[in-house]
Amino acid sequence: LTSGTTWHAAGLMVTFGSLSETSTEMRKHSKQLYSRLLEEETGMSTGFMPVGFIELATDEGYLEEYRRVAAFNRKCGVDVHELSPSEVADRFPLCNVDDVLAGFFVED
């Protein structure tokens, strides 16, 4: 694994965001592979550290889209929680939530 800019940062692996069951299952399997399965098979740690993920909705269009995605992802077994702006600030104090309508949080 590598680290650096976000397009190839180690651990930047999210399950939220897809409206495809196939894509969602691939995302879930990838997280399981790096967090547990590879170490079980090889005895070597990947160093993967799931830290959670928050997607922010800052306008009504994104809020509607993320609610639709969250409902679909829950159907696929992803534990997505809708957060109020104050709950986003509690989890990520450096975030300016002045224009945030909601956050969508996946813990692992």
C-alpha atoms as a PDB file:
ATOM      1  CA  LEU A   1       0.000   0.000   0.000  1.00  0.00           C
ATOM      2  CA  THR A   2       1.018   3.587  -0.529  1.00  0.00           C
ATOM      3  CA  SER A   3       0.307   6.844   1.185  1.00  0.00           C
ATOM      4  CA  GLY A   4       0.271  10.418   0.028  1.00  0.00           C
ATOM      5  CA  THR A   5      -2.296  12.337  -1.960  1.00  0.00           C
ATOM      6  CA  THR A   6      -5.902  11.256  -1.625  1.00  0.00           C
ATOM      7  CA  TRP A   7      -6.110   9.575  -5.026  1.00  0.00           C
ATOM      8  CA  HIS A   8      -3.820   6.824  -3.776  1.00  0.00           C
ATOM      9  CA  ALA A   9      -3.796   7.268  -0.001  1.00  0.00           C
ATOM     10  CA  ALA A  10      -3.605   4.087   2.034  1.00  0.00           C
ATOM     11  CA  GLY A  11      -6.885   3.345   3.738  1.00  0.00           C
ATOM     12  CA  LEU A  12      -9.072   5.620   1.622  1.00  0.00           C
ATOM     13  CA  MET A  13     -11.588   2.869   1.050  1.00  0.00           C
ATOM     14  CA  VAL A  14     -15.278   3.596   1.484  1.00  0.00           C
ATOM     15  CA  THR A  15     -18.369   1.462   1.148  1.00  0.00           C
ATOM     16  CA  PHE A  16     -20.805   4.404   0.904  1.00  0.00           C
ATOM     17  CA  GLY A  17     -21.699   6.012  -2.381  1.00  0.00           C
ATOM     18  CA  SER A  18     -22.752   3.439  -4.931  1.00  0.00           C
ATOM     19  CA  LEU A  19     -26.194   2.651  -6.270  1.00  0.00           C
ATOM     20  CA  SER A  20     -24.905  -0.607  -7.729  1.00  0.00           C
ATOM     21  CA  GLU A  21     -25.234  -3.769  -5.674  1.00  0.00           C
ATOM     22  CA  THR A  22     -22.201  -5.236  -7.458  1.00  0.00           C
ATOM     23  CA  SER A  23     -20.057  -2.183  -6.735  1.00  0.00           C
ATOM     24  CA  THR A  24     -21.197  -2.079  -3.110  1.00  0.00           C
ATOM     25  CA  GLU A  25     -20.361  -5.757  -2.627  1.00  0.00           C
ATOM     26  CA  MET A  26     -16.921  -5.206  -4.189  1.00  0.00           C
ATOM     27  CA  ARG A  27     -16.309  -2.277  -1.825  1.00  0.00           C
ATOM     28  CA  LYS A  28     -17.356  -4.368   1.182  1.00  0.00           C
ATOM     29  CA  HIS A  29     -15.188  -7.296   0.096  1.00  0.00           C
ATOM     30  CA  SER A  30     -12.179  -5.007  -0.450  1.00  0.00           C
ATOM     31  CA  LYS A  31     -12.489  -3.638   3.087  1.00  0.00           C
ATOM     32  CA  GLN A  32     -12.734  -7.172   4.502  1.00  0.00           C
ATOM     33  CA  LEU A  33      -9.781  -8.265   2.394  1.00  0.00           C
ATOM     34  CA  TYR A  34      -7.470  -5.498   3.613  1.00  0.00           C
ATOM     35  CA  SER A  35      -8.702  -5.343   7.207  1.00  0.00           C
ATOM     36  CA  ARG A  36      -8.785  -9.075   7.941  1.00  0.00           C
ATOM     37  CA  LEU A  37      -8.629 -11.672   5.179  1.00  0.00           C
ATOM     38  CA  LEU A  38      -5.120 -11.011   3.830  1.00  0.00           C
ATOM     39  CA  GLU A  39      -3.591 -11.184   7.294  1.00  0.00           C
ATOM     40  CA  GLU A  40      -5.467 -14.436   8.005  1.00  0.00           C
ATOM     41  CA  GLU A  41      -4.158 -15.933   4.752  1.00  0.00           C
ATOM     42  CA  THR A  42      -0.583 -14.628   4.877  1.00  0.00           C
ATOM     43  CA  GLY A  43       0.118 -13.928   8.535  1.00  0.00           C
ATOM     44  CA  MET A  44       1.231 -10.425   7.536  1.00  0.00           C
ATOM     45  CA  SER A  45      -0.631  -7.270   8.459  1.00  0.00           C
ATOM     46  CA  THR A  46      -1.607  -4.871   5.675  1.00  0.00           C
ATOM     47  CA  GLY A  47      -1.568  -1.965   8.104  1.00  0.00           C
ATOM     48  CA  PHE A  48      -5.080  -1.034   7.041  1.00  0.00           C
ATOM     49  CA  MET A  49      -6.795   1.088   9.696  1.00  0.00           C
ATOM     50  CA  PRO A  50     -10.479   1.843   9.065  1.00  0.00           C
ATOM     51  CA  VAL A  51     -11.238   5.271  10.506  1.00  0.00           C
ATOM     52  CA  GLY A  52     -14.733   5.911   9.210  1.00  0.00           C
ATOM     53  CA  PHE A  53     -16.093   8.219   6.574  1.00  0.00           C
ATOM     54  CA  ILE A  54     -18.460  11.200   6.510  1.00  0.00           C
ATOM     55  CA  GLU A  55     -20.042  12.464   3.282  1.00  0.00           C
ATOM     56  CA  LEU A  56     -21.466  15.978   3.684  1.00  0.00           C
ATOM     57  CA  ALA A  57     -24.640  17.263   2.049  1.00  0.00           C
ATOM     58  CA  THR A  58     -24.475  21.039   1.611  1.00  0.00           C
ATOM     59  CA  ASP A  59     -27.519  21.573  -0.583  1.00  0.00           C
ATOM     60  CA  GLU A  60     -30.955  20.024  -1.003  1.00  0.00           C
ATOM     61  CA  GLY A  61     -29.949  18.122  -4.160  1.00  0.00           C
ATOM     62  CA  TYR A  62     -27.072  16.341  -2.445  1.00  0.00           C
ATOM     63  CA  LEU A  63     -29.204  15.724   0.644  1.00  0.00           C
ATOM     64  CA  GLU A  64     -31.814  13.936  -1.488  1.00  0.00           C
ATOM     65  CA  GLU A  65     -29.138  11.978  -3.385  1.00  0.00           C
ATOM     66  CA  TYR A  66     -27.253  10.891  -0.247  1.00  0.00           C
ATOM     67  CA  ARG A  67     -30.471   9.823   1.463  1.00  0.00           C
ATOM     68  CA  ARG A  68     -31.263   7.644  -1.568  1.00  0.00           C
ATOM     69  CA  VAL A  69     -27.724   6.219  -1.607  1.00  0.00           C
ATOM     70  CA  ALA A  70     -27.816   5.627   2.173  1.00  0.00           C
ATOM     71  CA  ALA A  71     -31.111   3.726   1.928  1.00  0.00           C
ATOM     72  CA  PHE A  72     -29.724   1.549  -0.872  1.00  0.00           C
ATOM     73  CA  ASN A  73     -26.444   0.972   0.978  1.00  0.00           C
ATOM     74  CA  ARG A  74     -28.336  -0.054   4.143  1.00  0.00           C
ATOM     75  CA  LYS A  75     -30.262  -2.579   2.026  1.00  0.00           C
ATOM     76  CA  CYS A  76     -26.853  -3.957   0.984  1.00  0.00           C
ATOM     77  CA  GLY A  77     -25.664  -4.250   4.587  1.00  0.00           C
ATOM     78  CA  VAL A  78     -23.654  -1.029   4.947  1.00  0.00           C
ATOM     79  CA  ASP A  79     -24.229   0.608   8.341  1.00  0.00           C
ATOM     80  CA  VAL A  80     -24.883   4.230   7.252  1.00  0.00           C
ATOM     81  CA  HIS A  81     -26.041   6.844   9.761  1.00  0.00           C
ATOM     82  CA  GLU A  82     -27.470  10.250   8.876  1.00  0.00           C
ATOM     83  CA  LEU A  83     -25.982  12.912  11.166  1.00  0.00           C
ATOM     84  CA  SER A  84     -27.174  16.396  11.998  1.00  0.00           C
ATOM     85  CA  PRO A  85     -24.680  19.255  11.513  1.00  0.00           C
ATOM     86  CA  SER A  86     -23.991  19.296  15.265  1.00  0.00           C
ATOM     87  CA  GLU A  87     -23.305  15.543  15.232  1.00  0.00           C
ATOM     88  CA  VAL A  88     -20.883  16.070  12.328  1.00  0.00           C
ATOM     89  CA  ALA A  89     -19.103  18.752  14.385  1.00  0.00           C
ATOM     90  CA  ASP A  90     -18.943  16.417  17.386  1.00  0.00           C
ATOM     91  CA  ARG A  91     -17.232  13.710  15.293  1.00  0.00           C
ATOM     92  CA  PHE A  92     -15.020  16.125  13.329  1.00  0.00           C
ATOM     93  CA  PRO A  93     -14.499  19.339  15.349  1.00  0.00           C
ATOM     94  CA  LEU A  94     -12.385  21.012  12.647  1.00  0.00           C
ATOM     95  CA  CYS A  95     -15.255  20.883  10.149  1.00  0.00           C
ATOM     96  CA  ASN A  96     -17.100  24.136   9.518  1.00  0.00           C
ATOM     97  CA  VAL A  97     -20.723  23.011   9.458  1.00  0.00           C
ATOM     98  CA  ASP A  98     -22.307  26.396   8.713  1.00  0.00           C
ATOM     99  CA  ASP A  99     -23.606  25.199   5.330  1.00  0.00           C
ATOM    100  CA  VAL A 100     -23.966  21.494   6.157  1.00  0.00           C
ATOM    101  CA  LEU A 101     -27.499  20.097   6.033  1.00  0.00           C
ATOM    102  CA  ALA A 102     -26.524  16.565   7.061  1.00  0.00           C
ATOM    103  CA  GLY A 103     -23.650  14.131   7.134  1.00  0.00           C
ATOM    104  CA  PHE A 104     -23.711  10.472   6.205  1.00  0.00           C
ATOM    105  CA  PHE A 105     -21.398   8.435   8.393  1.00  0.00           C
ATOM    106  CA  VAL A 106     -20.027   4.921   7.990  1.00  0.00           C
ATOM    107  CA  GLU A 107     -17.975   3.981  11.050  1.00  0.00           C
ATOM    108  CA  ASP A 108     -15.735   1.328   9.605  1.00  0.00           C
END
